[in-house]
Amino acid sequence: MRLPRHLGAKTLPIFLATTSLFKGIFSKCDGPELNGTGTCFYLFHGYNIYLMVEKISEFQKVVVGTHPKIKDASKFAEQIARYLRSKGLEVGLGVFSTLQIDDQDLLIALGGDGTMLRAGRLCAPKEIPILGINLGKFGFLTEIDRSEWEEALERLLRGEFWIEKRMMLKVTQWRVGQKIGQWEALNDAVISRGRFVRPIHLETHVDERFLSTYVADGIILSTPTGSTAYAMAAGGPILPPELHNILLVPLAPHLSIEHAIVLAEGSVVSIVAHTDHEAVLSIDGQPPIDLKGDDHIEIRTGEHMAQFIRFEDPGYFYRNLTPHMNRNPSIGKKNE
């Protein structure tokens, strides 16, 4: 099996239609595409083919970003920076509230899943991969724990990793035909009631076709990444991260469609919130944006994709589901 010549420059996943006959099987590629820098392997997993490349990492400029409220995160970042500088890399430091991304090759994000969401929105437009080190609670998106950082960075510098790409949403707010705001979301966009505990009417179209007017507390438009977050808590299904589908989940619907809907790949959703009190929009759990009058919100698959450094094989997502589902660390106890 030969690797197409234009795909050998970096370590990256290739998503191609194939059969599911070769789950978990590695096949060595025999072409000269890596120019003598290493050895590449295909990993067949379900309907995806991943290219795993063993070669020296090309990362030269790295930035280490920290959550500003996590204790000792800045000291930990300095420790990582010293290690990488000792290997000859150029390393910058910053906190996510003020962090600037320019021409770096890699962002190392120290924090929890919220930090990774910020990192994804920051890095996706510039196609900069992210390595997450978990200093938070859940760690759905982070790749390694704090105690594993040195071993992980050694593997990173040896090129023993692959890059997972995850879809994002592009969310646009329109008012009287004028675009007044646009955002990217890695988890979800939520349109919901504000402070008043009364439902709102959510007139919903998919691909310019009327779906329903939900009478509900709100509606979640989620990526596959977000399907294990608010959408799951609201009763939605879990989607594998490699999918490119939008998940629509109503919040406390009253005499309306109550089931979640997985939309076709490429679908565009348009929602108008009708209410005589308040309606708001929130992107990835960020502070709410007030909606007025007949504002309509358009949600579609974004042009950019978040890229995450992975060391485990692509089956990691399913292996980690049970440990994550069996406990909620935010309440400080395990369900045995």
C-alpha atoms as a PDB file:
ATOM      1  CA  MET A   1       0.000   0.000   0.000  1.00  0.00           C
ATOM      2  CA  ARG A   2       1.472   3.318  -1.057  1.00  0.00           C
ATOM      3  CA  LEU A   3       0.879   6.689   0.520  1.00  0.00           C
ATOM      4  CA  PRO A   4      -0.072   9.539  -1.867  1.00  0.00           C
ATOM      5  CA  ARG A   5       2.950  11.782  -2.285  1.00  0.00           C
ATOM      6  CA  HIS A   6       1.310  14.973  -1.117  1.00  0.00           C
ATOM      7  CA  LEU A   7       0.304  13.452   2.244  1.00  0.00           C
ATOM      8  CA  GLY A   8       3.711  12.577   3.650  1.00  0.00           C
ATOM      9  CA  ALA A   9       4.854  15.938   5.012  1.00  0.00           C
ATOM     10  CA  LYS A  10       3.326  15.756   8.476  1.00  0.00           C
ATOM     11  CA  THR A  11       1.675  13.393  10.896  1.00  0.00           C
ATOM     12  CA  LEU A  12      -2.068  13.605  10.234  1.00  0.00           C
ATOM     13  CA  PRO A  13      -5.201  11.475  10.115  1.00  0.00           C
ATOM     14  CA  ILE A  14      -6.680  10.623   6.745  1.00  0.00           C
ATOM     15  CA  PHE A  15     -10.411   9.939   6.774  1.00  0.00           C
ATOM     16  CA  LEU A  16     -11.321   7.798   3.755  1.00  0.00           C
ATOM     17  CA  ALA A  17     -14.276   5.585   2.995  1.00  0.00           C
ATOM     18  CA  THR A  18     -13.277   1.966   3.385  1.00  0.00           C
ATOM     19  CA  THR A  19     -14.676  -1.261   4.737  1.00  0.00           C
ATOM     20  CA  SER A  20     -14.619  -2.208   8.390  1.00  0.00           C
ATOM     21  CA  LEU A  21     -12.738  -5.445   7.743  1.00  0.00           C
ATOM     22  CA  PHE A  22      -9.402  -4.297   9.151  1.00  0.00           C
ATOM     23  CA  LYS A  23     -10.195  -2.893  12.566  1.00  0.00           C
ATOM     24  CA  GLY A  24      -7.060  -2.257  14.570  1.00  0.00           C
ATOM     25  CA  ILE A  25      -4.676  -3.625  11.921  1.00  0.00           C
ATOM     26  CA  PHE A  26      -1.462  -1.756  11.123  1.00  0.00           C
ATOM     27  CA  SER A  27      -0.095  -1.944   7.577  1.00  0.00           C
ATOM     28  CA  LYS A  28       3.331  -0.542   6.716  1.00  0.00           C
ATOM     29  CA  CYS A  29       3.470   1.747   3.693  1.00  0.00           C
ATOM     30  CA  ASP A  30       6.388   1.248   1.368  1.00  0.00           C
ATOM     31  CA  GLY A  31       6.692   4.529  -0.525  1.00  0.00           C
ATOM     32  CA  PRO A  32       9.528   7.087  -0.301  1.00  0.00           C
ATOM     33  CA  GLU A  33       7.116   9.866   0.666  1.00  0.00           C
ATOM     34  CA  LEU A  34       8.738  10.656   4.035  1.00  0.00           C
ATOM     35  CA  ASN A  35      12.064  11.505   2.416  1.00  0.00           C
ATOM     36  CA  GLY A  36      14.013   9.306   4.780  1.00  0.00           C
ATOM     37  CA  THR A  37      12.611  10.932   7.944  1.00  0.00           C
ATOM     38  CA  GLY A  38      10.867   7.874   9.325  1.00  0.00           C
ATOM     39  CA  THR A  39       8.403   5.050   8.806  1.00  0.00           C
ATOM     40  CA  CYS A  40       4.664   5.383   8.300  1.00  0.00           C
ATOM     41  CA  PHE A  41       1.846   2.980   9.089  1.00  0.00           C
ATOM     42  CA  TYR A  42      -1.823   2.887   8.180  1.00  0.00           C
ATOM     43  CA  LEU A  43      -4.199   2.084  11.033  1.00  0.00           C
ATOM     44  CA  PHE A  44      -7.545   0.746   9.911  1.00  0.00           C
ATOM     45  CA  HIS A  45     -10.268   1.511  12.448  1.00  0.00           C
ATOM     46  CA  GLY A  46     -13.887   1.046  11.476  1.00  0.00           C
ATOM     47  CA  TYR A  47     -14.539   3.138   8.382  1.00  0.00           C
ATOM     48  CA  ASN A  48     -11.525   5.382   8.938  1.00  0.00           C
ATOM     49  CA  ILE A  49      -7.911   5.070   7.846  1.00  0.00           C
ATOM     50  CA  TYR A  50      -5.407   6.883  10.023  1.00  0.00           C
ATOM     51  CA  LEU A  51      -1.855   7.584   8.981  1.00  0.00           C
ATOM     52  CA  MET A  52       0.545   7.008  11.859  1.00  0.00           C
ATOM     53  CA  VAL A  53       4.007   8.389  11.193  1.00  0.00           C
ATOM     54  CA  GLU A  54       7.137   7.574  13.140  1.00  0.00           C
ATOM     55  CA  LYS A  55       9.487  10.468  12.495  1.00  0.00           C
ATOM     56  CA  ILE A  56      11.176  13.383  14.161  1.00  0.00           C
ATOM     57  CA  SER A  57       8.668  16.092  15.096  1.00  0.00           C
ATOM     58  CA  GLU A  58       8.730  19.261  13.015  1.00  0.00           C
ATOM     59  CA  PHE A  59       7.568  21.472  15.892  1.00  0.00           C
ATOM     60  CA  GLN A  60       9.922  24.398  16.457  1.00  0.00           C
ATOM     61  CA  LYS A  61       7.790  27.167  17.982  1.00  0.00           C
ATOM     62  CA  VAL A  62       5.522  26.228  20.872  1.00  0.00           C
ATOM     63  CA  VAL A  63       3.278  28.257  23.151  1.00  0.00           C
ATOM     64  CA  VAL A  64       2.106  26.976  26.534  1.00  0.00           C
ATOM     65  CA  GLY A  65      -1.279  28.379  27.583  1.00  0.00           C
ATOM     66  CA  THR A  66      -2.787  28.175  31.076  1.00  0.00           C
ATOM     67  CA  HIS A  67      -6.146  28.753  32.683  1.00  0.00           C
ATOM     68  CA  PRO A  68      -5.788  31.907  34.800  1.00  0.00           C
ATOM     69  CA  LYS A  69      -7.665  30.484  37.799  1.00  0.00           C
ATOM     70  CA  ILE A  70      -5.939  27.109  38.175  1.00  0.00           C
ATOM     71  CA  LYS A  71      -3.536  27.063  41.091  1.00  0.00           C
ATOM     72  CA  ASP A  72       0.144  26.537  40.215  1.00  0.00           C
ATOM     73  CA  ALA A  73      -0.633  26.329  36.477  1.00  0.00           C
ATOM     74  CA  SER A  74       1.884  29.070  35.676  1.00  0.00           C
ATOM     75  CA  LYS A  75       4.680  27.271  37.582  1.00  0.00           C
ATOM     76  CA  PHE A  76       3.852  24.057  35.758  1.00  0.00           C
ATOM     77  CA  ALA A  77       3.932  25.918  32.434  1.00  0.00           C
ATOM     78  CA  GLU A  78       7.410  27.247  33.236  1.00  0.00           C
ATOM     79  CA  GLN A  79       8.585  23.706  34.000  1.00  0.00           C
ATOM     80  CA  ILE A  80       7.332  22.509  30.613  1.00  0.00           C
ATOM     81  CA  ALA A  81       8.904  25.509  28.892  1.00  0.00           C
ATOM     82  CA  ARG A  82      12.308  24.781  30.446  1.00  0.00           C
ATOM     83  CA  TYR A  83      12.133  21.186  29.265  1.00  0.00           C
ATOM     84  CA  LEU A  84      11.240  22.138  25.689  1.00  0.00           C
ATOM     85  CA  ARG A  85      13.889  24.868  25.544  1.00  0.00           C
ATOM     86  CA  SER A  86      16.464  22.319  26.630  1.00  0.00           C
ATOM     87  CA  LYS A  87      15.500  20.396  23.491  1.00  0.00           C
ATOM     88  CA  GLY A  88      16.130  23.431  21.312  1.00  0.00           C
ATOM     89  CA  LEU A  89      12.550  24.628  20.834  1.00  0.00           C
ATOM     90  CA  GLU A  90      11.361  28.221  20.998  1.00  0.00           C
ATOM     91  CA  VAL A  91       8.702  28.451  23.721  1.00  0.00           C
ATOM     92  CA  GLY A  92       6.290  31.205  24.729  1.00  0.00           C
ATOM     93  CA  LEU A  93       4.006  31.379  27.775  1.00  0.00           C
ATOM     94  CA  GLY A  94       0.629  32.990  28.352  1.00  0.00           C
ATOM     95  CA  VAL A  95      -2.811  32.781  29.962  1.00  0.00           C
ATOM     96  CA  PHE A  96      -5.855  32.204  27.794  1.00  0.00           C
ATOM     97  CA  SER A  97      -7.515  35.482  28.732  1.00  0.00           C
ATOM     98  CA  THR A  98      -4.748  37.367  26.875  1.00  0.00           C
ATOM     99  CA  LEU A  99      -2.981  34.667  24.844  1.00  0.00           C
ATOM    100  CA  GLN A 100      -1.994  35.565  21.284  1.00  0.00           C
ATOM    101  CA  ILE A 101      -1.451  32.931  18.601  1.00  0.00           C
ATOM    102  CA  ASP A 102       0.674  33.954  15.628  1.00  0.00           C
ATOM    103  CA  ASP A 103       3.046  31.604  13.805  1.00  0.00           C
ATOM    104  CA  GLN A 104       3.461  28.895  16.441  1.00  0.00           C
ATOM    105  CA  ASP A 105       3.532  25.234  15.437  1.00  0.00           C
ATOM    106  CA  LEU A 106       1.831  23.900  18.575  1.00  0.00           C
ATOM    107  CA  LEU A 107      -0.228  24.998  21.569  1.00  0.00           C
ATOM    108  CA  ILE A 108       0.126  23.070  24.822  1.00  0.00           C
ATOM    109  CA  ALA A 109      -3.022  23.795  26.834  1.00  0.00           C
ATOM    110  CA  LEU A 110      -2.935  23.320  30.614  1.00  0.00           C
ATOM    111  CA  GLY A 111      -6.376  23.027  32.166  1.00  0.00           C
ATOM    112  CA  GLY A 112      -9.627  21.140  31.799  1.00  0.00           C
ATOM    113  CA  ASP A 113     -12.189  20.778  29.045  1.00  0.00           C
ATOM    114  CA  GLY A 114     -13.161  24.455  29.242  1.00  0.00           C
ATOM    115  CA  THR A 115      -9.548  25.367  28.555  1.00  0.00           C
ATOM    116  CA  MET A 116      -9.524  23.019  25.577  1.00  0.00           C
ATOM    117  CA  LEU A 117     -12.644  24.664  24.176  1.00  0.00           C
ATOM    118  CA  ARG A 118     -10.912  28.040  24.362  1.00  0.00           C
ATOM    119  CA  ALA A 119      -7.824  26.540  22.766  1.00  0.00           C
ATOM    120  CA  GLY A 120      -9.884  25.039  19.945  1.00  0.00           C
ATOM    121  CA  ARG A 121     -11.571  28.333  19.092  1.00  0.00           C
ATOM    122  CA  LEU A 122      -8.215  30.111  19.213  1.00  0.00           C
ATOM    123  CA  CYS A 123      -6.174  27.655  17.163  1.00  0.00           C
ATOM    124  CA  ALA A 124      -8.611  26.259  14.591  1.00  0.00           C
ATOM    125  CA  PRO A 125      -8.523  29.289  12.245  1.00  0.00           C
ATOM    126  CA  LYS A 126      -4.714  29.045  12.119  1.00  0.00           C
ATOM    127  CA  GLU A 127      -4.647  25.224  11.855  1.00  0.00           C
ATOM    128  CA  ILE A 128      -2.419  24.934  14.929  1.00  0.00           C
ATOM    129  CA  PRO A 129      -2.611  21.555  16.733  1.00  0.00           C
ATOM    130  CA  ILE A 130      -3.278  21.385  20.464  1.00  0.00           C
ATOM    131  CA  LEU A 131      -1.865  19.088  23.119  1.00  0.00           C
ATOM    132  CA  GLY A 132      -4.012  19.120  26.250  1.00  0.00           C
ATOM    133  CA  ILE A 133      -2.629  18.339  29.706  1.00  0.00           C
ATOM    134  CA  ASN A 134      -5.444  17.828  32.179  1.00  0.00           C
ATOM    135  CA  LEU A 135      -5.429  20.027  35.263  1.00  0.00           C
ATOM    136  CA  GLY A 136      -9.212  20.101  35.510  1.00  0.00           C
ATOM    137  CA  LYS A 137     -11.951  17.611  36.355  1.00  0.00           C
ATOM    138  CA  PHE A 138     -13.291  15.619  33.418  1.00  0.00           C
ATOM    139  CA  GLY A 139     -10.638  15.575  30.732  1.00  0.00           C
ATOM    140  CA  PHE A 140     -12.846  14.475  27.830  1.00  0.00           C
ATOM    141  CA  LEU A 141     -10.696  16.522  25.455  1.00  0.00           C
ATOM    142  CA  THR A 142      -7.316  16.565  27.165  1.00  0.00           C
ATOM    143  CA  GLU A 143      -4.913  13.843  26.110  1.00  0.00           C
ATOM    144  CA  ILE A 144      -2.708  13.289  29.169  1.00  0.00           C
ATOM    145  CA  ASP A 145      -2.679  13.774  32.941  1.00  0.00           C
ATOM    146  CA  ARG A 146      -0.250  16.045  34.718  1.00  0.00           C
ATOM    147  CA  SER A 147       1.926  13.182  35.940  1.00  0.00           C
ATOM    148  CA  GLU A 148       2.491  11.960  32.369  1.00  0.00           C
ATOM    149  CA  TRP A 149       3.714  15.201  30.836  1.00  0.00           C
ATOM    150  CA  GLU A 150       7.422  14.421  30.430  1.00  0.00           C
ATOM    151  CA  GLU A 151       6.924  11.031  28.843  1.00  0.00           C
ATOM    152  CA  ALA A 152       4.287  12.515  26.546  1.00  0.00           C
ATOM    153  CA  LEU A 153       6.561  15.328  25.402  1.00  0.00           C
ATOM    154  CA  GLU A 154       9.325  12.835  24.677  1.00  0.00           C
ATOM    155  CA  ARG A 155       6.911  10.917  22.447  1.00  0.00           C
ATOM    156  CA  LEU A 156       5.802  14.164  20.851  1.00  0.00           C
ATOM    157  CA  LEU A 157       9.354  15.124  19.950  1.00  0.00           C
ATOM    158  CA  ARG A 158       9.941  11.662  18.487  1.00  0.00           C
ATOM    159  CA  GLY A 159       6.863  12.096  16.297  1.00  0.00           C
ATOM    160  CA  GLU A 160       4.932   9.245  17.930  1.00  0.00           C
ATOM    161  CA  PHE A 161       1.486  10.812  17.646  1.00  0.00           C
ATOM    162  CA  TRP A 162      -1.353  11.467  15.260  1.00  0.00           C
ATOM    163  CA  ILE A 163      -3.600  14.499  14.810  1.00  0.00           C
ATOM    164  CA  GLU A 164      -7.334  14.192  15.364  1.00  0.00           C
ATOM    165  CA  LYS A 165      -9.509  16.735  13.571  1.00  0.00           C
ATOM    166  CA  ARG A 166     -12.900  17.701  14.978  1.00  0.00           C
ATOM    167  CA  MET A 167     -15.610  19.745  13.341  1.00  0.00           C
ATOM    168  CA  MET A 168     -16.684  23.131  14.641  1.00  0.00           C
ATOM    169  CA  LEU A 169     -19.832  25.184  14.207  1.00  0.00           C
ATOM    170  CA  LYS A 170     -20.129  28.570  12.559  1.00  0.00           C
ATOM    171  CA  VAL A 171     -22.861  30.544  14.294  1.00  0.00           C
ATOM    172  CA  THR A 172     -24.194  33.774  12.793  1.00  0.00           C
ATOM    173  CA  GLN A 173     -26.653  36.256  14.295  1.00  0.00           C
ATOM    174  CA  TRP A 174     -28.811  38.175  11.797  1.00  0.00           C
ATOM    175  CA  ARG A 175     -31.033  41.177  12.513  1.00  0.00           C
ATOM    176  CA  VAL A 176     -33.213  42.779   9.827  1.00  0.00           C
ATOM    177  CA  GLY A 177     -31.016  41.269   7.128  1.00  0.00           C
ATOM    178  CA  GLN A 178     -27.773  42.483   8.698  1.00  0.00           C
ATOM    179  CA  LYS A 179     -25.103  40.231  10.177  1.00  0.00           C
ATOM    180  CA  ILE A 180     -24.397  41.556  13.659  1.00  0.00           C
ATOM    181  CA  GLY A 181     -22.263  38.751  15.079  1.00  0.00           C
ATOM    182  CA  GLN A 182     -20.425  35.562  14.124  1.00  0.00           C
ATOM    183  CA  TRP A 183     -18.713  32.972  16.297  1.00  0.00           C
ATOM    184  CA  GLU A 184     -17.137  29.525  16.161  1.00  0.00           C
ATOM    185  CA  ALA A 185     -18.060  26.784  18.604  1.00  0.00           C
ATOM    186  CA  LEU A 186     -16.317  23.511  19.355  1.00  0.00           C
ATOM    187  CA  ASN A 187     -19.005  22.166  21.705  1.00  0.00           C
ATOM    188  CA  ASP A 188     -22.328  23.823  21.029  1.00  0.00           C
ATOM    189  CA  ALA A 189     -24.520  26.838  20.501  1.00  0.00           C
ATOM    190  CA  VAL A 190     -27.503  27.151  22.842  1.00  0.00           C
ATOM    191  CA  ILE A 191     -30.538  29.366  22.299  1.00  0.00           C
ATOM    192  CA  SER A 192     -32.588  29.568  25.469  1.00  0.00           C
ATOM    193  CA  ARG A 193     -34.800  31.624  27.732  1.00  0.00           C
ATOM    194  CA  GLY A 194     -33.145  34.219  29.934  1.00  0.00           C
ATOM    195  CA  ARG A 195     -33.940  34.983  33.575  1.00  0.00           C
ATOM    196  CA  PHE A 196     -37.692  34.393  33.306  1.00  0.00           C
ATOM    197  CA  VAL A 197     -38.769  30.836  33.971  1.00  0.00           C
ATOM    198  CA  ARG A 198     -41.133  30.671  31.015  1.00  0.00           C
ATOM    199  CA  PRO A 199     -40.688  28.810  27.727  1.00  0.00           C
ATOM    200  CA  ILE A 200     -39.878  30.485  24.439  1.00  0.00           C
ATOM    201  CA  HIS A 201     -41.036  29.620  20.933  1.00  0.00           C
ATOM    202  CA  LEU A 202     -38.204  28.464  18.694  1.00  0.00           C
ATOM    203  CA  GLU A 203     -39.159  28.504  15.024  1.00  0.00           C
ATOM    204  CA  THR A 204     -36.707  26.058  13.461  1.00  0.00           C
ATOM    205  CA  HIS A 205     -35.819  25.452   9.815  1.00  0.00           C
ATOM    206  CA  VAL A 206     -33.327  22.906   8.445  1.00  0.00           C
ATOM    207  CA  ASP A 207     -31.964  23.553   4.963  1.00  0.00           C
ATOM    208  CA  GLU A 208     -34.700  26.186   4.464  1.00  0.00           C
ATOM    209  CA  ARG A 209     -37.410  23.638   5.248  1.00  0.00           C
ATOM    210  CA  PHE A 210     -39.645  24.117   8.266  1.00  0.00           C
ATOM    211  CA  LEU A 211     -38.991  21.550  10.984  1.00  0.00           C
ATOM    212  CA  SER A 212     -41.011  22.685  14.013  1.00  0.00           C
ATOM    213  CA  THR A 213     -41.729  25.511  16.404  1.00  0.00           C
ATOM    214  CA  TYR A 214     -40.439  24.194  19.693  1.00  0.00           C
ATOM    215  CA  VAL A 215     -42.103  25.473  22.855  1.00  0.00           C
ATOM    216  CA  ALA A 216     -39.245  24.874  25.244  1.00  0.00           C
ATOM    217  CA  ASP A 217     -36.676  26.316  27.599  1.00  0.00           C
ATOM    218  CA  GLY A 218     -34.246  26.275  24.706  1.00  0.00           C
ATOM    219  CA  ILE A 219     -32.487  24.256  22.049  1.00  0.00           C
ATOM    220  CA  ILE A 220     -28.932  22.937  21.766  1.00  0.00           C
ATOM    221  CA  LEU A 221     -27.090  22.747  18.445  1.00  0.00           C
ATOM    222  CA  SER A 222     -24.120  20.522  19.154  1.00  0.00           C
ATOM    223  CA  THR A 223     -21.065  19.133  17.410  1.00  0.00           C
ATOM    224  CA  PRO A 224     -20.077  15.493  17.976  1.00  0.00           C
ATOM    225  CA  THR A 225     -17.548  16.853  20.485  1.00  0.00           C
ATOM    226  CA  GLY A 226     -20.353  18.601  22.367  1.00  0.00           C
ATOM    227  CA  SER A 227     -22.529  15.492  22.342  1.00  0.00           C
ATOM    228  CA  THR A 228     -20.872  14.370  25.608  1.00  0.00           C
ATOM    229  CA  ALA A 229     -21.542  17.736  27.279  1.00  0.00           C
ATOM    230  CA  TYR A 230     -24.797  19.716  27.700  1.00  0.00           C
ATOM    231  CA  ALA A 231     -26.459  17.802  24.850  1.00  0.00           C
ATOM    232  CA  MET A 232     -25.926  14.482  26.637  1.00  0.00           C
ATOM    233  CA  ALA A 233     -27.230  15.898  29.930  1.00  0.00           C
ATOM    234  CA  ALA A 234     -30.373  16.936  28.043  1.00  0.00           C
ATOM    235  CA  GLY A 235     -30.939  13.400  26.758  1.00  0.00           C
ATOM    236  CA  GLY A 236     -29.129  13.517  23.428  1.00  0.00           C
ATOM    237  CA  PRO A 237     -27.103  10.652  21.927  1.00  0.00           C
ATOM    238  CA  ILE A 238     -23.315  10.375  22.005  1.00  0.00           C
ATOM    239  CA  LEU A 239     -21.707  10.846  18.595  1.00  0.00           C
ATOM    240  CA  PRO A 240     -18.202   9.671  17.635  1.00  0.00           C
ATOM    241  CA  PRO A 241     -15.837  12.627  17.302  1.00  0.00           C
ATOM    242  CA  GLU A 242     -14.965  12.004  13.647  1.00  0.00           C
ATOM    243  CA  LEU A 243     -18.528  12.672  12.449  1.00  0.00           C
ATOM    244  CA  HIS A 244     -19.449  15.977  10.788  1.00  0.00           C
ATOM    245  CA  ASN A 245     -23.109  16.107  11.817  1.00  0.00           C
ATOM    246  CA  ILE A 246     -24.993  18.712  13.829  1.00  0.00           C
ATOM    247  CA  LEU A 247     -27.018  17.362  16.748  1.00  0.00           C
ATOM    248  CA  LEU A 248     -30.259  19.178  17.642  1.00  0.00           C
ATOM    249  CA  VAL A 249     -31.520  18.680  21.202  1.00  0.00           C
ATOM    250  CA  PRO A 250     -34.552  20.522  22.662  1.00  0.00           C
ATOM    251  CA  LEU A 251     -34.470  21.615  26.312  1.00  0.00           C
ATOM    252  CA  ALA A 252     -37.596  20.770  28.328  1.00  0.00           C
ATOM    253  CA  PRO A 253     -39.979  20.882  25.346  1.00  0.00           C
ATOM    254  CA  HIS A 254     -43.688  21.253  26.155  1.00  0.00           C
ATOM    255  CA  LEU A 255     -46.056  19.440  23.768  1.00  0.00           C
ATOM    256  CA  SER A 256     -43.341  19.682  21.110  1.00  0.00           C
ATOM    257  CA  ILE A 257     -40.913  17.281  19.463  1.00  0.00           C
ATOM    258  CA  GLU A 258     -39.004  15.950  22.442  1.00  0.00           C
ATOM    259  CA  HIS A 259     -36.408  13.729  20.801  1.00  0.00           C
ATOM    260  CA  ALA A 260     -32.961  14.753  19.655  1.00  0.00           C
ATOM    261  CA  ILE A 261     -32.257  14.764  15.913  1.00  0.00           C
ATOM    262  CA  VAL A 262     -28.953  13.993  14.219  1.00  0.00           C
ATOM    263  CA  LEU A 263     -28.954  16.122  11.087  1.00  0.00           C
ATOM    264  CA  ALA A 264     -27.466  15.146   7.759  1.00  0.00           C
ATOM    265  CA  GLU A 265     -23.885  16.188   7.140  1.00  0.00           C
ATOM    266  CA  GLY A 266     -23.775  19.695   5.698  1.00  0.00           C
ATOM    267  CA  SER A 267     -27.193  20.761   7.018  1.00  0.00           C
ATOM    268  CA  VAL A 268     -27.837  24.414   7.856  1.00  0.00           C
ATOM    269  CA  VAL A 269     -30.134  25.288  10.761  1.00  0.00           C
ATOM    270  CA  SER A 270     -31.969  28.604  11.121  1.00  0.00           C
ATOM    271  CA  ILE A 271     -33.767  29.478  14.369  1.00  0.00           C
ATOM    272  CA  VAL A 272     -35.901  32.454  15.368  1.00  0.00           C
ATOM    273  CA  ALA A 273     -36.723  32.823  19.073  1.00  0.00           C
ATOM    274  CA  HIS A 274     -40.186  34.344  19.594  1.00  0.00           C
ATOM    275  CA  THR A 275     -40.842  35.590  23.120  1.00  0.00           C
ATOM    276  CA  ASP A 276     -42.369  38.464  25.078  1.00  0.00           C
ATOM    277  CA  HIS A 277     -39.588  38.306  27.704  1.00  0.00           C
ATOM    278  CA  GLU A 278     -35.966  37.251  27.139  1.00  0.00           C
ATOM    279  CA  ALA A 279     -34.003  34.955  24.840  1.00  0.00           C
ATOM    280  CA  VAL A 280     -30.238  34.517  24.745  1.00  0.00           C
ATOM    281  CA  LEU A 281     -27.531  32.799  22.728  1.00  0.00           C
ATOM    282  CA  SER A 282     -24.507  31.155  24.324  1.00  0.00           C
ATOM    283  CA  ILE A 283     -21.456  29.796  22.483  1.00  0.00           C
ATOM    284  CA  ASP A 284     -19.553  26.980  24.237  1.00  0.00           C
ATOM    285  CA  GLY A 285     -20.986  28.068  27.592  1.00  0.00           C
ATOM    286  CA  GLN A 286     -19.641  31.610  27.303  1.00  0.00           C
ATOM    287  CA  PRO A 287     -21.568  34.631  28.675  1.00  0.00           C
ATOM    288  CA  PRO A 288     -24.976  34.958  26.988  1.00  0.00           C
ATOM    289  CA  ILE A 289     -25.705  37.248  24.067  1.00  0.00           C
ATOM    290  CA  ASP A 290     -29.101  38.953  24.140  1.00  0.00           C
ATOM    291  CA  LEU A 291     -31.461  38.289  21.245  1.00  0.00           C
ATOM    292  CA  LYS A 292     -33.976  40.879  20.154  1.00  0.00           C
ATOM    293  CA  GLY A 293     -37.178  40.896  18.145  1.00  0.00           C
ATOM    294  CA  ASP A 294     -36.936  38.643  15.130  1.00  0.00           C
ATOM    295  CA  ASP A 295     -33.195  37.943  15.334  1.00  0.00           C
ATOM    296  CA  HIS A 296     -32.442  34.697  13.639  1.00  0.00           C
ATOM    297  CA  ILE A 297     -29.509  32.452  14.336  1.00  0.00           C
ATOM    298  CA  GLU A 298     -27.893  30.417  11.570  1.00  0.00           C
ATOM    299  CA  ILE A 299     -25.827  27.372  12.504  1.00  0.00           C
ATOM    300  CA  ARG A 300     -23.739  25.395  10.032  1.00  0.00           C
ATOM    301  CA  THR A 301     -20.542  23.339   9.921  1.00  0.00           C
ATOM    302  CA  GLY A 302     -17.585  25.692  10.209  1.00  0.00           C
ATOM    303  CA  GLU A 303     -14.778  26.068   7.702  1.00  0.00           C
ATOM    304  CA  HIS A 304     -12.176  25.342  10.377  1.00  0.00           C
ATOM    305  CA  MET A 305     -11.460  22.200  12.362  1.00  0.00           C
ATOM    306  CA  ALA A 306      -9.896  21.860  15.782  1.00  0.00           C
ATOM    307  CA  GLN A 307      -6.778  19.683  15.746  1.00  0.00           C
ATOM    308  CA  PHE A 308      -5.706  17.645  18.773  1.00  0.00           C
ATOM    309  CA  ILE A 309      -2.505  15.702  19.364  1.00  0.00           C
ATOM    310  CA  ARG A 310      -3.281  12.055  20.205  1.00  0.00           C
ATOM    311  CA  PHE A 311      -0.959   9.307  21.425  1.00  0.00           C
ATOM    312  CA  GLU A 312      -3.513   6.537  21.891  1.00  0.00           C
ATOM    313  CA  ASP A 313      -4.981   4.701  18.917  1.00  0.00           C
ATOM    314  CA  PRO A 314      -8.298   6.002  17.506  1.00  0.00           C
ATOM    315  CA  GLY A 315     -10.286   3.574  19.673  1.00  0.00           C
ATOM    316  CA  TYR A 316      -9.511   5.719  22.726  1.00  0.00           C
ATOM    317  CA  PHE A 317     -12.887   7.464  22.546  1.00  0.00           C
ATOM    318  CA  TYR A 318     -14.871   4.289  23.170  1.00  0.00           C
ATOM    319  CA  ARG A 319     -12.463   2.975  25.808  1.00  0.00           C
ATOM    320  CA  ASN A 320     -12.789   6.192  27.784  1.00  0.00           C
ATOM    321  CA  LEU A 321     -16.579   6.392  27.702  1.00  0.00           C
ATOM    322  CA  THR A 322     -17.198   3.982  30.570  1.00  0.00           C
ATOM    323  CA  PRO A 323     -14.705   5.574  32.992  1.00  0.00           C
ATOM    324  CA  HIS A 324     -16.145   9.011  32.230  1.00  0.00           C
ATOM    325  CA  MET A 325     -19.769   7.891  32.508  1.00  0.00           C
ATOM    326  CA  ASN A 326     -19.294   6.078  35.816  1.00  0.00           C
ATOM    327  CA  ARG A 327     -18.338   9.129  37.812  1.00  0.00           C
ATOM    328  CA  ASN A 328     -18.788  12.858  37.916  1.00  0.00           C
ATOM    329  CA  PRO A 329     -15.709  14.402  39.544  1.00  0.00           C
ATOM    330  CA  SER A 330     -17.447  17.730  40.054  1.00  0.00           C
ATOM    331  CA  ILE A 331     -19.411  16.213  42.975  1.00  0.00           C
ATOM    332  CA  GLY A 332     -16.331  14.630  44.558  1.00  0.00           C
ATOM    333  CA  LYS A 333     -17.460  11.013  44.701  1.00  0.00           C
ATOM    334  CA  LYS A 334     -17.543   7.897  42.530  1.00  0.00           C
ATOM    335  CA  ASN A 335     -20.479   5.744  41.565  1.00  0.00           C
ATOM    336  CA  GLU A 336     -19.398   2.228  42.358  1.00  0.00           C
END
